[in-house]
Amino acid sequence: MSQHINLLPIVRRTAALSARRTALMLALWLLAWLGMGLWGQREIAETRQAAAHSTRQLHQQQALLKALQKQRGDNDATTDIAAQITALAPRTRVAHDVLARLKSGELGSLQGYDGHLTTLAGITQPGVWLAMIHISHAGRALRVEGRALQKEQVLRYAQAVNSAMQTYEAQFAQIEIAPLLPAPDANPGSAPVFSFKLY
């Protein structure tokens, strides 16, 4: 029988997974996980800071926009121009109505009637005296009532007034002349007196 004898030195094999290697690999693995966790935490913190910064900028921009709108006099309810026009329409109609009434003379004259009255005061006609003067339609309508000793004096007075009032576009179109009845105790030989209306 033969026998083999190994004369080479015996090399002891170390186990592929020794306790020391396992502990070292576990420690490296934990360090890697710890590093990734710290890196993730840092990324989250930076993202939160960026979000907070963006939020602050947004609030600043909104505050600036509100300040500009307030400075311009805008507000949320009146930003629509059509709504503003609709809201102003009644005021515009009232203003147009007042202006039309002023132009027609229904509300009188903005300049007054001192020119008319001064012109009338400057017209003298012997035997004619005035009892009432009425000016209307922005000075374009004139009504005069009075007394006269003779009818012809009233006609001459009306002609003089029409001539003087052309600058104011006020003219008489009608004349009414009527004799006044004498008072019961009046002298029967006294001259008759006429009442007149010019308009």
Protein backbone atom coordinates (compact mmCIF):
# COMPACT_ATOMS: atom_id res chain seq x y z
CA MET A 1 0.00 0.00 0.00
CA SER A 2 1.22 3.45 -0.72
CA GLN A 3 0.87 6.44 1.31
CA HIS A 4 1.12 10.01 0.39
CA ILE A 5 2.96 12.28 2.57
CA ASN A 6 2.69 15.98 2.08
CA LEU A 7 5.99 17.59 2.75
CA LEU A 8 4.82 21.11 1.89
CA PRO A 9 4.12 23.37 4.72
CA ILE A 10 0.46 23.61 5.63
CA VAL A 11 -0.99 27.07 5.04
CA ARG A 12 -4.01 27.74 7.03
CA ARG A 13 -6.78 29.33 5.18
CA THR A 14 -8.55 32.14 6.84
CA ALA A 15 -12.28 32.17 6.59
CA ALA A 16 -13.67 34.45 3.89
CA LEU A 17 -16.01 36.00 6.39
CA SER A 18 -14.32 36.45 9.60
CA ALA A 19 -15.85 38.36 12.46
CA ARG A 20 -13.36 41.13 11.99
CA ARG A 21 -14.11 41.57 8.31
CA THR A 22 -17.82 41.44 8.92
CA ALA A 23 -17.59 44.10 11.60
CA LEU A 24 -15.46 46.28 9.30
CA MET A 25 -17.86 45.88 6.39
CA LEU A 26 -20.81 46.60 8.64
CA ALA A 27 -19.10 49.71 9.97
CA LEU A 28 -18.36 50.95 6.42
CA TRP A 29 -21.90 50.25 5.38
CA LEU A 30 -23.27 52.19 8.38
CA LEU A 31 -20.93 55.08 7.64
CA ALA A 32 -22.14 55.16 4.04
CA TRP A 33 -25.77 55.21 5.18
CA LEU A 34 -25.00 57.88 7.74
CA GLY A 35 -23.26 59.98 5.08
CA MET A 36 -26.21 59.62 2.70
CA GLY A 37 -28.61 60.56 5.51
CA LEU A 38 -26.60 63.66 6.38
CA TRP A 39 -26.41 64.58 2.71
CA GLY A 40 -30.20 64.18 2.40
CA GLN A 41 -30.77 66.29 5.53
CA ARG A 42 -28.58 69.01 4.08
CA GLU A 43 -30.46 68.90 0.77
CA ILE A 44 -33.81 69.12 2.62
CA ALA A 45 -32.59 72.09 4.67
CA GLU A 46 -31.37 73.90 1.55
CA THR A 47 -34.67 73.21 -0.22
CA ARG A 48 -36.61 74.56 2.77
CA GLN A 49 -34.46 77.68 2.85
CA ALA A 50 -34.99 78.24 -0.87
CA ALA A 51 -38.77 77.77 -0.44
CA ALA A 52 -38.84 80.21 2.49
CA HIS A 53 -36.84 82.74 0.45
CA SER A 54 -39.25 82.37 -2.50
CA THR A 55 -42.23 82.82 -0.17
CA ARG A 56 -40.72 85.99 1.28
CA GLN A 57 -40.09 87.36 -2.19
CA LEU A 58 -43.66 86.54 -3.23
CA HIS A 59 -45.06 88.36 -0.17
CA GLN A 60 -42.83 91.36 -0.91
CA GLN A 61 -44.00 91.46 -4.53
CA GLN A 62 -47.65 91.20 -3.46
CA ALA A 63 -47.19 94.00 -0.93
CA LEU A 64 -45.53 96.14 -3.60
CA LEU A 65 -48.38 95.44 -6.02
CA LYS A 66 -50.99 96.40 -3.42
CA ALA A 67 -49.09 99.59 -2.63
CA LEU A 68 -48.97 100.51 -6.32
CA GLN A 69 -52.68 99.78 -6.73
CA LYS A 70 -53.47 101.91 -3.69
CA GLN A 71 -51.28 104.69 -5.02
CA ARG A 72 -53.11 104.58 -8.35
CA GLY A 73 -56.45 104.53 -6.52
CA ASP A 74 -57.38 101.08 -7.76
CA ASN A 75 -59.20 98.57 -5.65
CA ASP A 76 -60.48 95.10 -6.28
CA ALA A 77 -64.06 96.23 -6.88
CA THR A 78 -63.28 98.86 -9.54
CA THR A 79 -60.60 97.28 -11.67
CA ASP A 80 -63.11 96.55 -14.40
CA ILE A 81 -63.41 99.63 -16.63
CA ALA A 82 -66.84 98.62 -17.91
CA ALA A 83 -68.12 98.54 -14.33
CA GLN A 84 -66.68 102.01 -13.74
CA ILE A 85 -68.39 103.37 -16.85
CA THR A 86 -71.68 101.78 -15.81
CA ALA A 87 -71.36 103.30 -12.35
CA LEU A 88 -70.70 106.77 -13.80
CA ALA A 89 -73.55 106.65 -16.34
CA PRO A 90 -76.26 108.07 -13.98
CA ARG A 91 -74.00 110.97 -13.00
CA THR A 92 -73.28 111.68 -16.65
CA ARG A 93 -76.98 111.71 -17.50
CA VAL A 94 -77.67 114.17 -14.66
CA ALA A 95 -74.81 116.41 -15.78
CA HIS A 96 -76.06 116.37 -19.40
CA ASP A 97 -79.59 117.18 -18.21
CA VAL A 98 -78.41 120.13 -16.10
CA LEU A 99 -76.23 121.40 -18.95
CA ALA A 100 -79.13 121.17 -21.43
CA ARG A 101 -81.40 122.99 -19.00
CA LEU A 102 -78.78 125.70 -18.52
CA LYS A 103 -78.37 126.13 -22.29
CA SER A 104 -82.13 126.35 -22.79
CA GLY A 105 -82.35 128.97 -20.04
CA GLU A 106 -84.74 126.94 -17.92
CA LEU A 107 -82.48 127.40 -14.89
CA GLY A 108 -81.68 131.04 -15.60
CA SER A 109 -78.45 132.56 -16.79
CA LEU A 110 -74.94 132.01 -15.47
CA GLN A 111 -74.04 135.63 -16.29
CA GLY A 112 -77.13 137.17 -14.70
CA TYR A 113 -79.41 139.83 -16.20
CA ASP A 114 -77.68 143.03 -15.18
CA GLY A 115 -76.95 143.86 -18.83
CA HIS A 116 -80.59 143.44 -19.76
CA LEU A 117 -81.78 145.60 -16.88
CA THR A 118 -79.17 148.30 -17.55
CA THR A 119 -80.24 148.43 -21.20
CA LEU A 120 -83.92 148.66 -20.25
CA ALA A 121 -83.19 151.42 -17.74
CA GLY A 122 -81.43 153.42 -20.46
CA ILE A 123 -84.48 153.43 -22.75
CA THR A 124 -86.69 156.40 -22.01
CA GLN A 125 -90.06 157.12 -23.56
CA PRO A 126 -92.09 160.04 -22.23
CA GLY A 127 -95.52 159.00 -21.02
CA VAL A 128 -94.55 155.33 -20.45
CA TRP A 129 -93.73 153.78 -17.08
CA LEU A 130 -93.01 150.17 -16.24
CA ALA A 131 -94.79 148.09 -13.59
CA MET A 132 -93.18 144.66 -14.11
CA ILE A 133 -90.20 143.16 -15.93
CA HIS A 134 -89.76 139.40 -16.33
CA ILE A 135 -86.65 137.88 -17.96
CA SER A 136 -86.44 134.13 -18.68
CA HIS A 137 -84.87 131.50 -20.96
CA ALA A 138 -81.33 132.68 -20.27
CA GLY A 139 -82.27 136.25 -21.19
CA ARG A 140 -83.81 135.40 -24.56
CA ALA A 141 -87.43 135.89 -23.40
CA LEU A 142 -88.57 139.26 -22.07
CA ARG A 143 -91.97 140.33 -20.71
CA VAL A 144 -92.69 143.92 -19.76
CA GLU A 145 -95.91 145.31 -18.28
CA GLY A 146 -96.67 148.93 -17.62
CA ARG A 147 -98.84 151.98 -18.20
CA ALA A 148 -98.87 154.64 -20.91
CA LEU A 149 -100.76 157.82 -21.66
CA GLN A 150 -101.02 157.06 -25.38
CA LYS A 151 -101.01 153.89 -27.49
CA GLU A 152 -98.43 155.30 -29.87
CA GLN A 153 -95.99 155.78 -27.00
CA VAL A 154 -96.20 152.05 -26.24
CA LEU A 155 -95.43 151.20 -29.89
CA ARG A 156 -92.40 153.54 -29.96
CA TYR A 157 -91.19 152.07 -26.65
CA ALA A 158 -91.56 148.47 -27.94
CA GLN A 159 -89.62 149.39 -31.10
CA ALA A 160 -86.80 150.97 -29.02
CA VAL A 161 -86.60 147.95 -26.70
CA ASN A 162 -86.53 145.48 -29.63
CA SER A 163 -83.73 147.45 -31.22
CA ALA A 164 -81.67 147.60 -27.99
CA MET A 165 -82.25 143.94 -27.04
CA GLN A 166 -81.02 142.44 -30.31
CA THR A 167 -77.61 141.84 -28.68
CA TYR A 168 -79.34 139.56 -26.12
CA GLU A 169 -81.56 137.85 -28.74
CA ALA A 170 -84.63 139.03 -26.82
CA GLN A 171 -87.45 140.43 -28.96
CA PHE A 172 -91.07 141.25 -28.40
CA ALA A 173 -93.42 139.38 -30.71
CA GLN A 174 -96.76 140.43 -29.21
CA ILE A 175 -98.27 143.59 -27.74
CA GLU A 176 -101.46 143.90 -25.71
CA ILE A 177 -102.83 147.39 -25.04
CA ALA A 178 -106.04 148.00 -23.11
CA PRO A 179 -107.54 151.20 -21.65
CA LEU A 180 -107.78 151.31 -17.89
CA LEU A 181 -111.19 152.12 -16.55
CA PRO A 182 -111.13 155.34 -14.59
CA ALA A 183 -111.70 155.19 -10.87
CA PRO A 184 -115.26 156.11 -9.74
CA ASP A 185 -114.04 159.25 -8.00
CA ALA A 186 -111.73 160.30 -10.90
CA ASN A 187 -112.19 163.57 -12.76
CA PRO A 188 -114.30 162.90 -15.87
CA GLY A 189 -112.10 165.14 -18.01
CA SER A 190 -108.79 163.41 -17.13
CA ALA A 191 -106.72 161.80 -19.89
CA PRO A 192 -107.19 158.06 -20.40
CA VAL A 193 -104.45 155.68 -19.25
CA PHE A 194 -103.57 152.48 -21.08
CA SER A 195 -102.11 149.29 -19.63
CA PHE A 196 -99.79 147.30 -21.86
CA LYS A 197 -98.00 143.98 -22.00
CA LEU A 198 -95.05 143.37 -24.26
CA TYR A 199 -93.80 139.77 -24.76
